[in-house]
Every structure is written in C-alpha cells, then in structure tokens.
Amino acid sequence: MDTLEVEDFDYGELKNDTAFINKNETLSQCIERIRQNLVIAREDYKNYESFTLEEKVKYDLHISYSINSLYWMYYKIIGLDPNKHGIKDELTRIKAAMVREKEIYDHRYNRPTLDQGAAKRFVRAGLYDHKNRDKPMDKADPPPNKKIRFED
C-alpha cells in the first residue's frame, strides 16, 4: 500500500476546509511513519534471539508503544474517547517503562567518573605538613596529626 498524496483524495464538500485537510495529512503521515517503523521492526525481529537484554527491552518497548499508538489513533478515528478506555493507561505505563529504561542506561553508561590524579592532589594537599616543605610525602609515612596546639 503506497502513501497517497493529498491531491489523490477527493474531499468533496470539505475541499475548502484547510483545517480538516491539514489534520488528514498529518494523520496520514503519522500512520505512514508508524507503518514504516513496524516494517523495520518486523525485519529486525529475525535477529531478536541475538539481541542483548538491553536491545530486547528497547525493541519490546518500541513495538508495544507503536501498536498501542495505532490503537489509540483507531479509537480517535472512529469517534470514541481513548481517554476513557484502558489504552491511555497502557500508553502511560509504557512511557514510564521507557523513562525507567533510560534511567538504567544513563546510570550504567553516563555516570560521572573520578579523576584519580586530582583526588590524589586533594588528599596530598590536605595532608601537607608546612614544617617539612622540602621533604616529599612518602607512602610509608603515617599521615601527620592535624591537631595544632597553641601555646601562650
């Protein structure tokens, strides 16, 4: 099934209603994009067994969101309110799962790393003994006592 251009439709009495025509074009484009995504996903399903766990989760979320979006559009097209149906809750649940998957991914791969050289410099500066400036700190030396007694 090829996508039809707006010129291919005969809108009849609605041919002067630009708002309706724009909404119809947008709907057709959205349905076509989802259809193309599902075709690609169907081809990717051949390699599903070789996917990692993360790839399987992303794939399953993508498919379930696409199918539920189509179902939501179907309800809107036939004139039913999808907000009163369970599809709205299902889409919300899938969105929450997508957010959770992104948090897990970010925690695993995008967490900050410690600059060990800078940390060593901070520790060395905190343990610096101003009385023995010339003597470098040795790893075997115990850390100096930080308590300073003032004698009057």
N, C-alpha and C. Protein backbone atom coordinates (compact mmCIF):
# COMPACT_ATOMS: atom_id res chain seq x y z
N MET A 1 0.84 -1.18 0.00
CA MET A 1 0.00 0.00 0.00
C MET A 1 0.88 1.24 0.00
N ASP A 2 0.79 2.05 -1.02
CA ASP A 2 1.58 3.26 -1.11
C ASP A 2 0.84 4.40 -0.44
N THR A 3 1.64 5.38 0.00
CA THR A 3 1.01 6.55 0.61
C THR A 3 0.37 7.39 -0.48
N LEU A 4 -0.77 7.94 -0.19
CA LEU A 4 -1.49 8.75 -1.15
C LEU A 4 -1.23 10.22 -0.88
N GLU A 5 -1.06 10.96 -1.90
CA GLU A 5 -0.88 12.39 -1.76
C GLU A 5 -2.23 13.05 -1.55
N VAL A 6 -2.23 14.27 -1.05
CA VAL A 6 -3.47 14.99 -0.79
C VAL A 6 -4.26 15.20 -2.07
N GLU A 7 -3.55 15.38 -3.18
CA GLU A 7 -4.24 15.61 -4.45
C GLU A 7 -5.04 14.38 -4.88
N ASP A 8 -4.66 13.19 -4.40
CA ASP A 8 -5.36 11.96 -4.77
C ASP A 8 -6.72 11.84 -4.08
N PHE A 9 -6.91 12.55 -2.98
CA PHE A 9 -8.18 12.49 -2.26
C PHE A 9 -9.18 13.46 -2.87
N ASP A 10 -10.42 13.02 -2.92
CA ASP A 10 -11.49 13.90 -3.34
C ASP A 10 -12.26 14.26 -2.08
N TYR A 11 -12.03 15.46 -1.58
CA TYR A 11 -12.64 15.88 -0.32
C TYR A 11 -14.08 16.34 -0.50
N GLY A 12 -14.52 16.51 -1.71
CA GLY A 12 -15.90 16.91 -1.96
C GLY A 12 -16.23 18.24 -1.31
N GLU A 13 -17.21 18.24 -0.42
CA GLU A 13 -17.65 19.46 0.24
C GLU A 13 -16.59 20.02 1.18
N LEU A 14 -15.65 19.21 1.59
CA LEU A 14 -14.63 19.64 2.54
C LEU A 14 -13.36 20.14 1.87
N LYS A 15 -13.39 20.31 0.55
CA LYS A 15 -12.17 20.70 -0.15
C LYS A 15 -11.70 22.10 0.23
N ASN A 16 -12.57 22.93 0.78
CA ASN A 16 -12.18 24.28 1.20
C ASN A 16 -11.85 24.35 2.69
N ASP A 17 -12.03 23.27 3.39
CA ASP A 17 -11.75 23.24 4.83
C ASP A 17 -10.28 22.87 5.04
N THR A 18 -9.43 23.88 5.14
CA THR A 18 -7.98 23.64 5.24
C THR A 18 -7.62 22.97 6.56
N ALA A 19 -8.34 23.27 7.62
CA ALA A 19 -8.03 22.64 8.91
C ALA A 19 -8.24 21.13 8.82
N PHE A 20 -9.33 20.72 8.21
CA PHE A 20 -9.60 19.28 8.05
C PHE A 20 -8.55 18.63 7.17
N ILE A 21 -8.21 19.28 6.08
CA ILE A 21 -7.23 18.72 5.14
C ILE A 21 -5.87 18.59 5.83
N ASN A 22 -5.47 19.61 6.61
CA ASN A 22 -4.18 19.56 7.32
C ASN A 22 -4.17 18.43 8.34
N LYS A 23 -5.29 18.27 9.09
CA LYS A 23 -5.36 17.18 10.06
C LYS A 23 -5.31 15.83 9.37
N ASN A 24 -5.96 15.72 8.23
CA ASN A 24 -5.95 14.46 7.48
C ASN A 24 -4.54 14.15 6.97
N GLU A 25 -3.84 15.17 6.49
CA GLU A 25 -2.46 14.97 6.03
C GLU A 25 -1.57 14.53 7.19
N THR A 26 -1.70 15.20 8.31
CA THR A 26 -0.88 14.87 9.48
C THR A 26 -1.14 13.44 9.94
N LEU A 27 -2.41 13.07 10.00
CA LEU A 27 -2.77 11.70 10.39
C LEU A 27 -2.18 10.69 9.41
N SER A 28 -2.30 10.96 8.13
CA SER A 28 -1.75 10.04 7.12
C SER A 28 -0.24 9.91 7.26
N GLN A 29 0.44 11.02 7.52
CA GLN A 29 1.89 10.98 7.68
C GLN A 29 2.29 10.21 8.93
N CYS A 30 1.55 10.41 10.02
CA CYS A 30 1.85 9.67 11.26
C CYS A 30 1.65 8.18 11.08
N ILE A 31 0.55 7.81 10.45
CA ILE A 31 0.28 6.39 10.23
C ILE A 31 1.36 5.78 9.33
N GLU A 32 1.78 6.52 8.33
CA GLU A 32 2.82 6.02 7.43
C GLU A 32 4.15 5.84 8.16
N ARG A 33 4.51 6.80 9.03
CA ARG A 33 5.76 6.67 9.79
C ARG A 33 5.71 5.46 10.72
N ILE A 34 4.58 5.26 11.37
CA ILE A 34 4.45 4.10 12.26
C ILE A 34 4.50 2.81 11.44
N ARG A 35 3.87 2.81 10.28
CA ARG A 35 3.91 1.63 9.41
C ARG A 35 5.34 1.32 9.01
N GLN A 36 6.10 2.34 8.63
CA GLN A 36 7.50 2.12 8.23
C GLN A 36 8.32 1.61 9.41
N ASN A 37 8.07 2.15 10.60
CA ASN A 37 8.79 1.67 11.79
C ASN A 37 8.46 0.22 12.09
N LEU A 38 7.20 -0.15 11.91
CA LEU A 38 6.82 -1.54 12.16
C LEU A 38 7.40 -2.49 11.12
N VAL A 39 7.54 -2.02 9.88
CA VAL A 39 8.18 -2.85 8.84
C VAL A 39 9.64 -3.08 9.20
N ILE A 40 10.32 -2.04 9.63
CA ILE A 40 11.73 -2.18 10.04
C ILE A 40 11.83 -3.10 11.25
N ALA A 41 10.92 -2.91 12.21
CA ALA A 41 10.95 -3.74 13.41
C ALA A 41 10.67 -5.20 13.08
N ARG A 42 9.79 -5.44 12.14
CA ARG A 42 9.49 -6.82 11.73
C ARG A 42 10.73 -7.46 11.12
N GLU A 43 11.51 -6.69 10.34
CA GLU A 43 12.74 -7.21 9.77
C GLU A 43 13.79 -7.47 10.87
N ASP A 44 13.82 -6.58 11.87
CA ASP A 44 14.77 -6.76 12.97
C ASP A 44 14.43 -7.95 13.85
N TYR A 45 13.18 -8.35 13.83
CA TYR A 45 12.77 -9.47 14.68
C TYR A 45 13.48 -10.77 14.31
N LYS A 46 13.96 -10.84 13.09
CA LYS A 46 14.71 -12.03 12.66
C LYS A 46 15.96 -12.23 13.51
N ASN A 47 16.52 -11.14 14.02
CA ASN A 47 17.74 -11.19 14.83
C ASN A 47 17.45 -11.07 16.33
N TYR A 48 16.20 -11.21 16.72
CA TYR A 48 15.79 -10.98 18.11
C TYR A 48 16.55 -11.86 19.09
N GLU A 49 16.79 -13.09 18.74
CA GLU A 49 17.47 -14.03 19.64
C GLU A 49 18.91 -13.60 19.91
N SER A 50 19.52 -12.90 18.97
CA SER A 50 20.91 -12.48 19.16
C SER A 50 21.02 -11.12 19.85
N PHE A 51 19.89 -10.48 20.16
CA PHE A 51 19.92 -9.19 20.85
C PHE A 51 20.40 -9.37 22.29
N THR A 52 21.03 -8.31 22.79
CA THR A 52 21.36 -8.29 24.21
C THR A 52 20.07 -7.99 24.98
N LEU A 53 20.14 -8.10 26.28
CA LEU A 53 18.96 -7.85 27.10
C LEU A 53 18.47 -6.41 26.93
N GLU A 54 19.41 -5.46 26.90
CA GLU A 54 19.04 -4.05 26.71
C GLU A 54 18.37 -3.82 25.36
N GLU A 55 18.90 -4.45 24.32
CA GLU A 55 18.30 -4.31 22.99
C GLU A 55 16.90 -4.92 22.95
N LYS A 56 16.72 -6.05 23.64
CA LYS A 56 15.40 -6.67 23.68
C LYS A 56 14.39 -5.77 24.39
N VAL A 57 14.82 -5.15 25.48
CA VAL A 57 13.92 -4.25 26.22
C VAL A 57 13.53 -3.07 25.35
N LYS A 58 14.51 -2.45 24.69
CA LYS A 58 14.21 -1.32 23.80
C LYS A 58 13.28 -1.74 22.65
N TYR A 59 13.55 -2.89 22.09
CA TYR A 59 12.74 -3.40 20.98
C TYR A 59 11.30 -3.63 21.44
N ASP A 60 11.14 -4.31 22.56
CA ASP A 60 9.79 -4.61 23.06
C ASP A 60 9.03 -3.33 23.41
N LEU A 61 9.71 -2.36 24.02
CA LEU A 61 9.05 -1.09 24.33
C LEU A 61 8.64 -0.36 23.06
N HIS A 62 9.50 -0.38 22.07
CA HIS A 62 9.21 0.29 20.80
C HIS A 62 7.98 -0.34 20.13
N ILE A 63 7.95 -1.65 20.07
CA ILE A 63 6.83 -2.34 19.43
C ILE A 63 5.53 -2.10 20.19
N SER A 64 5.58 -2.23 21.50
CA SER A 64 4.35 -2.07 22.28
C SER A 64 3.84 -0.63 22.21
N TYR A 65 4.74 0.35 22.20
CA TYR A 65 4.30 1.74 22.10
C TYR A 65 3.70 2.01 20.71
N SER A 66 4.31 1.47 19.68
CA SER A 66 3.80 1.68 18.32
C SER A 66 2.41 1.07 18.15
N ILE A 67 2.24 -0.14 18.62
CA ILE A 67 0.94 -0.80 18.46
C ILE A 67 -0.13 -0.10 19.28
N ASN A 68 0.20 0.28 20.50
CA ASN A 68 -0.78 0.98 21.33
C ASN A 68 -1.10 2.37 20.77
N SER A 69 -0.13 3.01 20.14
CA SER A 69 -0.40 4.31 19.50
C SER A 69 -1.36 4.13 18.33
N LEU A 70 -1.18 3.06 17.56
CA LEU A 70 -2.11 2.79 16.47
C LEU A 70 -3.52 2.52 17.00
N TYR A 71 -3.60 1.80 18.09
CA TYR A 71 -4.90 1.51 18.69
C TYR A 71 -5.56 2.80 19.19
N TRP A 72 -4.77 3.69 19.79
CA TRP A 72 -5.26 4.98 20.26
C TRP A 72 -5.78 5.80 19.07
N MET A 73 -5.02 5.80 17.96
CA MET A 73 -5.46 6.52 16.76
C MET A 73 -6.75 5.93 16.21
N TYR A 74 -6.86 4.62 16.24
CA TYR A 74 -8.07 3.96 15.76
C TYR A 74 -9.28 4.43 16.57
N TYR A 75 -9.14 4.47 17.87
CA TYR A 75 -10.24 4.96 18.71
C TYR A 75 -10.60 6.40 18.38
N LYS A 76 -9.61 7.25 18.16
CA LYS A 76 -9.89 8.65 17.81
C LYS A 76 -10.60 8.73 16.46
N ILE A 77 -10.18 7.92 15.51
CA ILE A 77 -10.77 7.97 14.17
C ILE A 77 -12.23 7.53 14.18
N ILE A 78 -12.56 6.49 14.94
CA ILE A 78 -13.95 6.03 14.94
C ILE A 78 -14.84 6.84 15.87
N GLY A 79 -14.25 7.84 16.53
CA GLY A 79 -15.05 8.76 17.32
C GLY A 79 -15.19 8.41 18.78
N LEU A 80 -14.48 7.42 19.27
CA LEU A 80 -14.52 7.08 20.69
C LEU A 80 -13.45 7.85 21.44
N ASP A 81 -13.68 8.06 22.71
CA ASP A 81 -12.72 8.79 23.54
C ASP A 81 -11.70 7.80 24.09
N PRO A 82 -10.44 7.85 23.62
CA PRO A 82 -9.44 6.90 24.10
C PRO A 82 -9.05 7.14 25.56
N ASN A 83 -9.36 8.33 26.09
CA ASN A 83 -9.02 8.60 27.49
C ASN A 83 -9.90 7.81 28.45
N LYS A 84 -11.09 7.42 28.00
CA LYS A 84 -11.99 6.63 28.85
C LYS A 84 -11.70 5.14 28.73
N HIS A 85 -10.86 4.78 27.80
CA HIS A 85 -10.51 3.38 27.59
C HIS A 85 -9.17 3.10 28.27
N GLY A 86 -8.84 1.85 28.44
CA GLY A 86 -7.59 1.46 29.09
C GLY A 86 -6.35 1.75 28.29
N ILE A 87 -6.52 2.15 27.03
CA ILE A 87 -5.35 2.39 26.17
C ILE A 87 -4.52 3.57 26.67
N LYS A 88 -5.18 4.55 27.24
CA LYS A 88 -4.46 5.72 27.77
C LYS A 88 -3.56 5.30 28.92
N ASP A 89 -4.08 4.45 29.81
CA ASP A 89 -3.27 3.96 30.93
C ASP A 89 -2.12 3.09 30.44
N GLU A 90 -2.38 2.31 29.40
CA GLU A 90 -1.34 1.46 28.85
C GLU A 90 -0.21 2.29 28.23
N LEU A 91 -0.57 3.34 27.51
CA LEU A 91 0.45 4.22 26.94
C LEU A 91 1.25 4.91 28.04
N THR A 92 0.58 5.32 29.10
CA THR A 92 1.27 5.95 30.23
C THR A 92 2.23 4.96 30.89
N ARG A 93 1.80 3.72 31.03
CA ARG A 93 2.65 2.68 31.62
C ARG A 93 3.88 2.43 30.75
N ILE A 94 3.69 2.41 29.44
CA ILE A 94 4.82 2.17 28.53
C ILE A 94 5.79 3.35 28.57
N LYS A 95 5.25 4.57 28.63
CA LYS A 95 6.12 5.74 28.74
C LYS A 95 6.95 5.69 30.02
N ALA A 96 6.32 5.28 31.13
CA ALA A 96 7.05 5.16 32.39
C ALA A 96 8.15 4.10 32.28
N ALA A 97 7.86 3.00 31.60
CA ALA A 97 8.88 1.96 31.40
C ALA A 97 10.02 2.49 30.54
N MET A 98 9.70 3.32 29.54
CA MET A 98 10.75 3.91 28.71
C MET A 98 11.64 4.85 29.53
N VAL A 99 11.03 5.63 30.41
CA VAL A 99 11.80 6.53 31.27
C VAL A 99 12.70 5.71 32.19
N ARG A 100 12.15 4.64 32.77
CA ARG A 100 12.94 3.78 33.65
C ARG A 100 14.10 3.13 32.89
N GLU A 101 13.86 2.69 31.67
CA GLU A 101 14.93 2.09 30.86
C GLU A 101 16.02 3.11 30.58
N LYS A 102 15.64 4.35 30.30
CA LYS A 102 16.63 5.41 30.06
C LYS A 102 17.43 5.70 31.32
N GLU A 103 16.78 5.71 32.49
CA GLU A 103 17.49 5.93 33.74
C GLU A 103 18.52 4.82 33.98
N ILE A 104 18.14 3.59 33.71
CA ILE A 104 19.07 2.47 33.90
C ILE A 104 20.25 2.61 32.93
N TYR A 105 19.96 2.96 31.69
CA TYR A 105 21.03 3.14 30.70
C TYR A 105 21.97 4.27 31.13
N ASP A 106 21.40 5.40 31.54
CA ASP A 106 22.22 6.53 31.96
C ASP A 106 23.05 6.19 33.19
N HIS A 107 22.47 5.45 34.11
CA HIS A 107 23.21 5.07 35.32
C HIS A 107 24.37 4.15 34.97
N ARG A 108 24.16 3.29 34.01
CA ARG A 108 25.19 2.33 33.66
C ARG A 108 26.31 2.96 32.82
N TYR A 109 25.95 3.83 31.87
CA TYR A 109 26.95 4.31 30.91
C TYR A 109 27.30 5.79 31.04
N ASN A 110 26.46 6.60 31.61
CA ASN A 110 26.72 8.04 31.63
C ASN A 110 26.99 8.58 33.03
N ARG A 111 27.41 7.74 33.93
CA ARG A 111 27.67 8.23 35.27
C ARG A 111 29.04 8.92 35.31
N PRO A 112 29.22 9.84 36.23
CA PRO A 112 30.49 10.56 36.29
C PRO A 112 31.62 9.64 36.77
N THR A 113 32.82 9.94 36.31
CA THR A 113 33.98 9.17 36.73
C THR A 113 34.88 10.04 37.59
N LEU A 114 35.64 9.41 38.42
CA LEU A 114 36.53 10.12 39.34
C LEU A 114 37.88 10.35 38.68
N ASP A 115 38.34 11.57 38.73
CA ASP A 115 39.68 11.88 38.24
C ASP A 115 40.64 11.54 39.37
N GLN A 116 41.30 10.39 39.25
CA GLN A 116 42.12 9.90 40.35
C GLN A 116 43.33 10.79 40.60
N GLY A 117 43.88 11.37 39.56
CA GLY A 117 45.02 12.27 39.76
C GLY A 117 44.63 13.49 40.58
N ALA A 118 43.48 14.07 40.27
CA ALA A 118 43.01 15.23 41.03
C ALA A 118 42.69 14.84 42.47
N ALA A 119 42.11 13.67 42.67
CA ALA A 119 41.79 13.21 44.01
C ALA A 119 43.07 13.03 44.83
N LYS A 120 44.11 12.50 44.22
CA LYS A 120 45.39 12.34 44.93
C LYS A 120 45.98 13.70 45.31
N ARG A 121 45.86 14.67 44.41
CA ARG A 121 46.38 16.01 44.72
C ARG A 121 45.61 16.65 45.87
N PHE A 122 44.29 16.46 45.90
CA PHE A 122 43.49 16.99 47.00
C PHE A 122 43.90 16.35 48.33
N VAL A 123 44.09 15.06 48.34
CA VAL A 123 44.47 14.37 49.57
C VAL A 123 45.86 14.79 50.00
N ARG A 124 46.78 14.88 49.04
CA ARG A 124 48.15 15.29 49.36
C ARG A 124 48.16 16.71 49.92
N ALA A 125 47.35 17.60 49.34
CA ALA A 125 47.30 18.98 49.83
C ALA A 125 46.66 19.02 51.22
N GLY A 126 45.71 18.15 51.49
CA GLY A 126 45.09 18.12 52.82
C GLY A 126 46.02 17.56 53.87
N LEU A 127 46.96 16.72 53.46
CA LEU A 127 47.91 16.13 54.39
C LEU A 127 49.25 16.86 54.40
N TYR A 128 49.32 17.99 53.74
CA TYR A 128 50.57 18.73 53.61
C TYR A 128 51.06 19.22 54.97
N ASP A 129 52.31 18.99 55.25
CA ASP A 129 52.91 19.44 56.51
C ASP A 129 53.79 20.65 56.20
N HIS A 130 53.40 21.80 56.69
CA HIS A 130 54.13 23.03 56.35
C HIS A 130 55.50 23.09 57.01
N LYS A 131 55.76 22.29 58.04
CA LYS A 131 57.07 22.28 58.70
C LYS A 131 58.10 21.54 57.86
N ASN A 132 57.69 20.55 57.13
CA ASN A 132 58.60 19.75 56.31
C ASN A 132 58.31 19.96 54.84
N ARG A 133 58.50 21.18 54.37
CA ARG A 133 58.19 21.51 52.97
C ARG A 133 59.09 20.78 51.98
N ASP A 134 60.36 20.68 52.35
CA ASP A 134 61.32 20.11 51.41
C ASP A 134 61.19 18.59 51.32
N LYS A 135 60.71 17.98 52.37
CA LYS A 135 60.61 16.52 52.39
C LYS A 135 59.31 16.09 51.71
N PRO A 136 59.41 15.33 50.61
CA PRO A 136 58.17 14.86 49.97
C PRO A 136 57.49 13.80 50.83
N MET A 137 56.18 13.75 50.73
CA MET A 137 55.41 12.76 51.50
C MET A 137 55.72 11.38 50.96
N ASP A 138 56.02 10.47 51.84
CA ASP A 138 56.26 9.10 51.45
C ASP A 138 55.02 8.28 51.77
N LYS A 139 54.77 7.30 50.97
CA LYS A 139 53.59 6.47 51.19
C LYS A 139 53.67 5.70 52.49
N ALA A 140 54.88 5.41 52.94
CA ALA A 140 55.05 4.64 54.17
C ALA A 140 54.87 5.52 55.40
N ASP A 141 55.05 6.85 55.26
CA ASP A 141 54.90 7.74 56.40
C ASP A 141 53.44 7.80 56.83
N PRO A 142 53.22 7.78 58.13
CA PRO A 142 51.83 7.95 58.59
C PRO A 142 51.38 9.39 58.36
N PRO A 143 50.12 9.63 58.20
CA PRO A 143 49.65 10.99 57.99
C PRO A 143 49.91 11.84 59.22
N PRO A 144 50.24 13.10 59.03
CA PRO A 144 50.55 13.97 60.17
C PRO A 144 49.29 14.24 61.00
N ASN A 145 49.54 14.54 62.27
CA ASN A 145 48.44 14.87 63.16
C ASN A 145 47.96 16.28 62.81
N LYS A 146 46.70 16.43 62.55
CA LYS A 146 46.17 17.71 62.10
C LYS A 146 45.84 18.65 63.28
N LYS A 147 45.89 18.12 64.50
CA LYS A 147 45.59 18.97 65.66
C LYS A 147 46.78 19.87 65.96
N ILE A 148 46.53 21.14 66.03
CA ILE A 148 47.60 22.12 66.29
C ILE A 148 47.36 22.68 67.69
N ARG A 149 48.40 22.64 68.49
CA ARG A 149 48.30 23.20 69.84
C ARG A 149 48.94 24.57 69.84
N PHE A 150 48.22 25.49 70.39
CA PHE A 150 48.74 26.85 70.51
C PHE A 150 49.20 27.05 71.93
N GLU A 151 50.44 27.44 72.10
CA GLU A 151 50.99 27.67 73.43
C GLU A 151 51.11 29.17 73.64
N ASP A 152 50.61 29.61 74.78
CA ASP A 152 50.65 31.05 75.06
C ASP A 152 51.95 31.46 75.68
